[in-house]
Amino acid sequence: MHYDNVQALFCLILKNQIRTIDEGVETLIPDPDSQQKIFAVQYYCSTKYFCRQQQISEYYSWDGDASAKACSKCDNCVNCIKNNVQDLPDATDDIYELLEVTKSLTAQHPYVTPKDVVDVFTHSKTGDMESKGYLTSEAYKREYTRKVLVSKELAFQALHDLVVSGYVKQACTLKKQKERQMTCSTHIHGVRENAENFIGNKSWVYKAPRKQRRERR
């Protein structure tokens, strides 16, 4: 299921939403707790190599609980075997940099999408980047060589990881015009206070096929 479809579905079924109607456009904004649930499900649907059983166990586990073993039966476990997947080195240094880029970019620009953050982090040069003024932003000018998060796909996964972990603040909004389909937009609006102090409390290990670098374990 596509990320936006997951968001739209959960925006419809979750309670405690803010609804507004302006000039025929209905806007739906789930409360923060509901949005975090949306992002957790979105993350679950996006992974390719992280065992489904381990993901569910990790989501409901308490601090100190033993980690569940990979089931070796789910689609992700099968993908690991089929694609000869390996663990990548710990990406903590890259995570720190991604967090700093996010903080700097959201401080300078009022509306930043996840794609914007990843494009700046990976130093992409596109017309969209130029029109938004990102190529001259302090975040873009940062000098850093990525060690593990070398692809955009992996950078997206890491950013989503930061969102689900509560270190990066993300929000989604659902809009519907008369007789039109609903559209779901997502934007990044900052980072958790002192988030950098908590990054080192967990490992940031990702998995990837041996000749590629992909996503988090």
C-alpha atoms as a PDB file:
ATOM      1  CA  MET A   1       0.000   0.000   0.000  1.00  0.00           C
ATOM      2  CA  HIS A   2       1.331   3.451  -0.911  1.00  0.00           C
ATOM      3  CA  TYR A   3       2.374   5.742   1.942  1.00  0.00           C
ATOM      4  CA  ASP A   4      -0.271   8.385   1.127  1.00  0.00           C
ATOM      5  CA  ASN A   5      -3.003   5.726   0.984  1.00  0.00           C
ATOM      6  CA  VAL A   6      -1.989   4.503   4.443  1.00  0.00           C
ATOM      7  CA  GLN A   7      -2.135   8.028   5.804  1.00  0.00           C
ATOM      8  CA  ALA A   8      -5.493   8.788   4.199  1.00  0.00           C
ATOM      9  CA  LEU A   9      -7.011   5.555   5.494  1.00  0.00           C
ATOM     10  CA  PHE A  10      -5.962   6.167   9.081  1.00  0.00           C
ATOM     11  CA  CYS A  11      -6.938   9.837   8.947  1.00  0.00           C
ATOM     12  CA  LEU A  12     -10.454   8.660   8.187  1.00  0.00           C
ATOM     13  CA  ILE A  13     -10.763   6.058  10.943  1.00  0.00           C
ATOM     14  CA  LEU A  14      -8.884   7.657  13.836  1.00  0.00           C
ATOM     15  CA  LYS A  15     -10.729   9.795  16.362  1.00  0.00           C
ATOM     16  CA  ASN A  16      -9.843  13.166  17.922  1.00  0.00           C
ATOM     17  CA  GLN A  17      -9.474  14.973  14.618  1.00  0.00           C
ATOM     18  CA  ILE A  18      -9.698  18.669  13.790  1.00  0.00           C
ATOM     19  CA  ARG A  19     -12.104  19.317  10.903  1.00  0.00           C
ATOM     20  CA  THR A  20     -12.450  22.645   9.121  1.00  0.00           C
ATOM     21  CA  ILE A  21     -14.292  23.662   5.952  1.00  0.00           C
ATOM     22  CA  ASP A  22     -13.205  26.714   3.967  1.00  0.00           C
ATOM     23  CA  GLU A  23     -14.565  27.579   0.518  1.00  0.00           C
ATOM     24  CA  GLY A  24     -15.738  24.035  -0.056  1.00  0.00           C
ATOM     25  CA  VAL A  25     -12.449  22.444   0.982  1.00  0.00           C
ATOM     26  CA  GLU A  26     -12.645  20.112   3.981  1.00  0.00           C
ATOM     27  CA  THR A  27      -9.432  19.812   5.993  1.00  0.00           C
ATOM     28  CA  LEU A  28      -8.826  16.982   8.426  1.00  0.00           C
ATOM     29  CA  ILE A  29      -5.933  17.044  10.916  1.00  0.00           C
ATOM     30  CA  PRO A  30      -5.552  14.074  13.296  1.00  0.00           C
ATOM     31  CA  ASP A  31      -4.331  14.792  16.830  1.00  0.00           C
ATOM     32  CA  PRO A  32      -0.571  14.251  17.490  1.00  0.00           C
ATOM     33  CA  ASP A  33      -0.965  10.824  19.107  1.00  0.00           C
ATOM     34  CA  SER A  34      -3.065   9.587  16.200  1.00  0.00           C
ATOM     35  CA  GLN A  35      -0.550  10.934  13.717  1.00  0.00           C
ATOM     36  CA  GLN A  36       2.257   8.997  15.407  1.00  0.00           C
ATOM     37  CA  LYS A  37       0.176   5.835  14.979  1.00  0.00           C
ATOM     38  CA  ILE A  38      -0.246   6.678  11.301  1.00  0.00           C
ATOM     39  CA  PHE A  39       3.499   7.102  10.864  1.00  0.00           C
ATOM     40  CA  ALA A  40       4.215   3.838  12.722  1.00  0.00           C
ATOM     41  CA  VAL A  41       1.933   1.909  10.356  1.00  0.00           C
ATOM     42  CA  GLN A  42       3.422   3.756   7.393  1.00  0.00           C
ATOM     43  CA  TYR A  43       6.895   2.708   8.537  1.00  0.00           C
ATOM     44  CA  TYR A  44       5.740  -0.895   8.974  1.00  0.00           C
ATOM     45  CA  CYS A  45       4.416  -0.951   5.397  1.00  0.00           C
ATOM     46  CA  SER A  46       7.562   0.619   3.932  1.00  0.00           C
ATOM     47  CA  THR A  47      10.201  -1.784   5.239  1.00  0.00           C
ATOM     48  CA  LYS A  48      11.598  -4.568   3.061  1.00  0.00           C
ATOM     49  CA  TYR A  49      14.130  -6.391   5.221  1.00  0.00           C
ATOM     50  CA  PHE A  50      12.991  -5.952   8.827  1.00  0.00           C
ATOM     51  CA  CYS A  51      11.102  -9.036  10.038  1.00  0.00           C
ATOM     52  CA  ARG A  52       7.378  -8.322  10.477  1.00  0.00           C
ATOM     53  CA  GLN A  53       7.253 -10.305  13.712  1.00  0.00           C
ATOM     54  CA  GLN A  54      10.209  -8.365  15.124  1.00  0.00           C
ATOM     55  CA  GLN A  55       8.611  -5.048  14.171  1.00  0.00           C
ATOM     56  CA  ILE A  56       5.360  -5.861  15.955  1.00  0.00           C
ATOM     57  CA  SER A  57       7.213  -7.230  18.984  1.00  0.00           C
ATOM     58  CA  GLU A  58       9.421  -4.129  19.148  1.00  0.00           C
ATOM     59  CA  TYR A  59       6.430  -1.781  18.894  1.00  0.00           C
ATOM     60  CA  TYR A  60       4.659  -3.379  21.881  1.00  0.00           C
ATOM     61  CA  SER A  61       7.713  -4.244  23.969  1.00  0.00           C
ATOM     62  CA  TRP A  62       8.773  -2.571  27.214  1.00  0.00           C
ATOM     63  CA  ASP A  63      12.263  -1.329  27.984  1.00  0.00           C
ATOM     64  CA  GLY A  64      14.401  -4.279  28.938  1.00  0.00           C
ATOM     65  CA  ASP A  65      12.336  -6.866  27.072  1.00  0.00           C
ATOM     66  CA  ALA A  66      14.327  -9.401  25.080  1.00  0.00           C
ATOM     67  CA  SER A  67      14.313  -8.879  21.320  1.00  0.00           C
ATOM     68  CA  ALA A  68      12.245 -11.315  19.283  1.00  0.00           C
ATOM     69  CA  LYS A  69      14.011 -13.540  16.790  1.00  0.00           C
ATOM     70  CA  ALA A  70      13.390 -13.199  13.064  1.00  0.00           C
ATOM     71  CA  CYS A  71      10.563 -15.513  12.017  1.00  0.00           C
ATOM     72  CA  SER A  72      12.219 -16.509   8.703  1.00  0.00           C
ATOM     73  CA  LYS A  73       8.725 -16.826   7.185  1.00  0.00           C
ATOM     74  CA  CYS A  74       7.344 -13.319   6.517  1.00  0.00           C
ATOM     75  CA  ASP A  75       7.798 -11.485   3.209  1.00  0.00           C
ATOM     76  CA  ASN A  76      10.638  -9.387   4.604  1.00  0.00           C
ATOM     77  CA  CYS A  77      12.562 -12.396   5.885  1.00  0.00           C
ATOM     78  CA  VAL A  78      12.109 -14.018   2.484  1.00  0.00           C
ATOM     79  CA  ASN A  79      13.418 -10.825   0.856  1.00  0.00           C
ATOM     80  CA  CYS A  80      16.525 -11.013   3.043  1.00  0.00           C
ATOM     81  CA  ILE A  81      17.281 -14.530   1.871  1.00  0.00           C
ATOM     82  CA  LYS A  82      16.395 -13.866  -1.759  1.00  0.00           C
ATOM     83  CA  ASN A  83      18.499 -10.681  -2.034  1.00  0.00           C
ATOM     84  CA  ASN A  84      21.485 -11.848   0.021  1.00  0.00           C
ATOM     85  CA  VAL A  85      20.995  -9.048   2.528  1.00  0.00           C
ATOM     86  CA  GLN A  86      23.697  -7.925   4.934  1.00  0.00           C
ATOM     87  CA  ASP A  87      23.881  -5.595   7.934  1.00  0.00           C
ATOM     88  CA  LEU A  88      25.438  -2.200   7.216  1.00  0.00           C
ATOM     89  CA  PRO A  89      27.724  -0.404   9.683  1.00  0.00           C
ATOM     90  CA  ASP A  90      26.021   1.609  12.414  1.00  0.00           C
ATOM     91  CA  ALA A  91      24.733   4.865  10.894  1.00  0.00           C
ATOM     92  CA  THR A  92      24.777   7.010  14.053  1.00  0.00           C
ATOM     93  CA  ASP A  93      27.087   9.677  12.564  1.00  0.00           C
ATOM     94  CA  ASP A  94      24.858  10.033   9.518  1.00  0.00           C
ATOM     95  CA  ILE A  95      21.770  10.165  11.746  1.00  0.00           C
ATOM     96  CA  TYR A  96      23.266  13.079  13.672  1.00  0.00           C
ATOM     97  CA  GLU A  97      23.877  14.908  10.401  1.00  0.00           C
ATOM     98  CA  LEU A  98      20.381  14.166   9.092  1.00  0.00           C
ATOM     99  CA  LEU A  99      18.961  15.552  12.326  1.00  0.00           C
ATOM    100  CA  GLU A 100      21.058  18.735  12.027  1.00  0.00           C
ATOM    101  CA  VAL A 101      20.004  19.214   8.401  1.00  0.00           C
ATOM    102  CA  THR A 102      16.361  18.833   9.418  1.00  0.00           C
ATOM    103  CA  LYS A 103      16.731  21.295  12.269  1.00  0.00           C
ATOM    104  CA  SER A 104      18.490  23.904  10.117  1.00  0.00           C
ATOM    105  CA  LEU A 105      16.101  23.576   7.173  1.00  0.00           C
ATOM    106  CA  THR A 106      12.904  23.794   9.228  1.00  0.00           C
ATOM    107  CA  ALA A 107      14.262  26.813  11.100  1.00  0.00           C
ATOM    108  CA  GLN A 108      14.673  28.720   7.823  1.00  0.00           C
ATOM    109  CA  HIS A 109      11.649  27.515   5.840  1.00  0.00           C
ATOM    110  CA  PRO A 110       8.009  27.354   7.008  1.00  0.00           C
ATOM    111  CA  TYR A 111       6.849  24.338   4.960  1.00  0.00           C
ATOM    112  CA  VAL A 112       9.300  21.489   4.445  1.00  0.00           C
ATOM    113  CA  THR A 113       8.392  18.062   3.068  1.00  0.00           C
ATOM    114  CA  PRO A 114      10.262  14.808   3.797  1.00  0.00           C
ATOM    115  CA  LYS A 115      11.464  14.883   0.183  1.00  0.00           C
ATOM    116  CA  ASP A 116      12.919  18.362   0.756  1.00  0.00           C
ATOM    117  CA  VAL A 117      14.904  17.130   3.752  1.00  0.00           C
ATOM    118  CA  VAL A 118      16.265  14.136   1.853  1.00  0.00           C
ATOM    119  CA  ASP A 119      17.139  16.237  -1.212  1.00  0.00           C
ATOM    120  CA  VAL A 120      19.083  18.693   0.924  1.00  0.00           C
ATOM    121  CA  PHE A 121      20.759  15.920   2.916  1.00  0.00           C
ATOM    122  CA  THR A 122      21.885  14.177  -0.288  1.00  0.00           C
ATOM    123  CA  HIS A 123      22.861  17.508  -1.947  1.00  0.00           C
ATOM    124  CA  SER A 124      20.523  17.084  -4.894  1.00  0.00           C
ATOM    125  CA  LYS A 125      20.439  19.875  -7.475  1.00  0.00           C
ATOM    126  CA  THR A 126      17.024  20.224  -9.089  1.00  0.00           C
ATOM    127  CA  GLY A 127      14.837  23.029 -10.367  1.00  0.00           C
ATOM    128  CA  ASP A 128      12.472  22.450  -7.470  1.00  0.00           C
ATOM    129  CA  MET A 129      15.331  22.808  -4.988  1.00  0.00           C
ATOM    130  CA  GLU A 130      16.403  26.062  -6.607  1.00  0.00           C
ATOM    131  CA  SER A 131      12.886  27.516  -6.744  1.00  0.00           C
ATOM    132  CA  LYS A 132      12.404  26.833  -3.038  1.00  0.00           C
ATOM    133  CA  GLY A 133      15.700  28.498  -2.162  1.00  0.00           C
ATOM    134  CA  TYR A 134      17.204  25.364  -0.658  1.00  0.00           C
ATOM    135  CA  LEU A 135      20.430  25.493  -2.688  1.00  0.00           C
ATOM    136  CA  THR A 136      21.492  28.604  -0.779  1.00  0.00           C
ATOM    137  CA  SER A 137      20.264  27.440   2.627  1.00  0.00           C
ATOM    138  CA  GLU A 138      22.618  26.865   5.535  1.00  0.00           C
ATOM    139  CA  ALA A 139      21.459  23.245   5.666  1.00  0.00           C
ATOM    140  CA  TYR A 140      22.549  22.664   2.071  1.00  0.00           C
ATOM    141  CA  LYS A 141      25.912  24.339   2.630  1.00  0.00           C
ATOM    142  CA  ARG A 142      26.855  21.950   5.432  1.00  0.00           C
ATOM    143  CA  GLU A 143      29.983  19.973   4.558  1.00  0.00           C
ATOM    144  CA  TYR A 144      29.597  16.322   5.403  1.00  0.00           C
ATOM    145  CA  THR A 145      30.382  13.019   3.685  1.00  0.00           C
ATOM    146  CA  ARG A 146      27.694  10.397   4.202  1.00  0.00           C
ATOM    147  CA  LYS A 147      29.102   7.042   5.271  1.00  0.00           C
ATOM    148  CA  VAL A 148      26.064   4.731   5.392  1.00  0.00           C
ATOM    149  CA  LEU A 149      23.038   6.738   4.223  1.00  0.00           C
ATOM    150  CA  VAL A 150      24.469   7.019   0.731  1.00  0.00           C
ATOM    151  CA  SER A 151      21.229   6.610  -1.232  1.00  0.00           C
ATOM    152  CA  LYS A 152      18.012   8.615  -1.185  1.00  0.00           C
ATOM    153  CA  GLU A 153      16.008   5.493  -0.449  1.00  0.00           C
ATOM    154  CA  LEU A 154      18.058   4.809   2.649  1.00  0.00           C
ATOM    155  CA  ALA A 155      17.923   8.486   3.686  1.00  0.00           C
ATOM    156  CA  PHE A 156      14.120   8.391   3.428  1.00  0.00           C
ATOM    157  CA  GLN A 157      14.046   5.282   5.595  1.00  0.00           C
ATOM    158  CA  ALA A 158      16.290   6.891   8.203  1.00  0.00           C
ATOM    159  CA  LEU A 159      14.191  10.067   8.264  1.00  0.00           C
ATOM    160  CA  HIS A 160      11.052   8.014   8.747  1.00  0.00           C
ATOM    161  CA  ASP A 161      12.865   6.145  11.500  1.00  0.00           C
ATOM    162  CA  LEU A 162      13.554   9.457  13.239  1.00  0.00           C
ATOM    163  CA  VAL A 163       9.887  10.430  12.912  1.00  0.00           C
ATOM    164  CA  VAL A 164       8.595   7.161  14.383  1.00  0.00           C
ATOM    165  CA  SER A 165      11.161   7.408  17.189  1.00  0.00           C
ATOM    166  CA  GLY A 166       9.818  10.871  18.029  1.00  0.00           C
ATOM    167  CA  TYR A 167      13.013  12.796  17.278  1.00  0.00           C
ATOM    168  CA  VAL A 168      11.709  14.574  14.172  1.00  0.00           C
ATOM    169  CA  LYS A 169       8.321  16.304  14.218  1.00  0.00           C
ATOM    170  CA  GLN A 170       6.105  15.455  11.268  1.00  0.00           C
ATOM    171  CA  ALA A 171       2.453  16.234  10.552  1.00  0.00           C
ATOM    172  CA  CYS A 172      -0.054  15.084   7.960  1.00  0.00           C
ATOM    173  CA  THR A 173      -3.120  16.886   6.641  1.00  0.00           C
ATOM    174  CA  LEU A 174      -5.996  15.431   4.626  1.00  0.00           C
ATOM    175  CA  LYS A 175      -7.993  17.664   2.285  1.00  0.00           C
ATOM    176  CA  LYS A 176     -11.088  17.001   0.206  1.00  0.00           C
ATOM    177  CA  GLN A 177     -12.791  19.244  -2.312  1.00  0.00           C
ATOM    178  CA  LYS A 178     -16.321  18.717  -3.565  1.00  0.00           C
ATOM    179  CA  GLU A 179     -16.605  15.663  -5.836  1.00  0.00           C
ATOM    180  CA  ARG A 180     -12.823  15.155  -5.755  1.00  0.00           C
ATOM    181  CA  GLN A 181     -10.572  12.568  -4.204  1.00  0.00           C
ATOM    182  CA  MET A 182      -8.858  13.233  -0.909  1.00  0.00           C
ATOM    183  CA  THR A 183      -5.253  14.382  -0.927  1.00  0.00           C
ATOM    184  CA  CYS A 184      -2.817  13.789   1.910  1.00  0.00           C
ATOM    185  CA  SER A 185       0.169  16.064   2.474  1.00  0.00           C
ATOM    186  CA  THR A 186       3.025  15.539   4.910  1.00  0.00           C
ATOM    187  CA  HIS A 187       5.458  18.116   6.214  1.00  0.00           C
ATOM    188  CA  ILE A 188       8.334  18.284   8.670  1.00  0.00           C
ATOM    189  CA  HIS A 189       8.104  21.102  11.185  1.00  0.00           C
ATOM    190  CA  GLY A 190      11.085  20.701  13.484  1.00  0.00           C
ATOM    191  CA  VAL A 191      12.952  18.331  15.769  1.00  0.00           C
ATOM    192  CA  ARG A 192      12.439  17.284  19.350  1.00  0.00           C
ATOM    193  CA  GLU A 193      14.162  19.505  21.904  1.00  0.00           C
ATOM    194  CA  ASN A 194      17.634  18.152  22.715  1.00  0.00           C
ATOM    195  CA  ALA A 195      17.018  15.253  20.315  1.00  0.00           C
ATOM    196  CA  GLU A 196      20.742  14.973  19.633  1.00  0.00           C
ATOM    197  CA  ASN A 197      21.227  13.936  23.261  1.00  0.00           C
ATOM    198  CA  PHE A 198      19.086  10.846  22.746  1.00  0.00           C
ATOM    199  CA  ILE A 199      20.379   9.637  19.370  1.00  0.00           C
ATOM    200  CA  GLY A 200      23.222   7.716  20.986  1.00  0.00           C
ATOM    201  CA  ASN A 201      20.827   5.723  23.185  1.00  0.00           C
ATOM    202  CA  LYS A 202      19.908   3.318  20.382  1.00  0.00           C
ATOM    203  CA  SER A 203      21.633   1.641  17.486  1.00  0.00           C
ATOM    204  CA  TRP A 204      20.931   2.784  13.956  1.00  0.00           C
ATOM    205  CA  VAL A 205      21.661  -0.367  12.016  1.00  0.00           C
ATOM    206  CA  TYR A 206      20.265  -0.903   8.524  1.00  0.00           C
ATOM    207  CA  LYS A 207      20.159  -3.832   6.133  1.00  0.00           C
ATOM    208  CA  ALA A 208      20.815  -3.945   2.398  1.00  0.00           C
ATOM    209  CA  PRO A 209      21.607  -6.288  -0.467  1.00  0.00           C
ATOM    210  CA  ARG A 210      25.368  -6.730  -0.635  1.00  0.00           C
ATOM    211  CA  LYS A 211      25.921  -4.420  -3.604  1.00  0.00           C
ATOM    212  CA  GLN A 212      23.403  -1.787  -2.481  1.00  0.00           C
ATOM    213  CA  ARG A 213      22.579   0.210   0.619  1.00  0.00           C
ATOM    214  CA  ARG A 214      18.982   0.192   1.577  1.00  0.00           C
ATOM    215  CA  GLU A 215      17.014   0.316   4.780  1.00  0.00           C
ATOM    216  CA  ARG A 216      16.936  -0.122   8.501  1.00  0.00           C
ATOM    217  CA  ARG A 217      17.032  -3.493  10.174  1.00  0.00           C
END
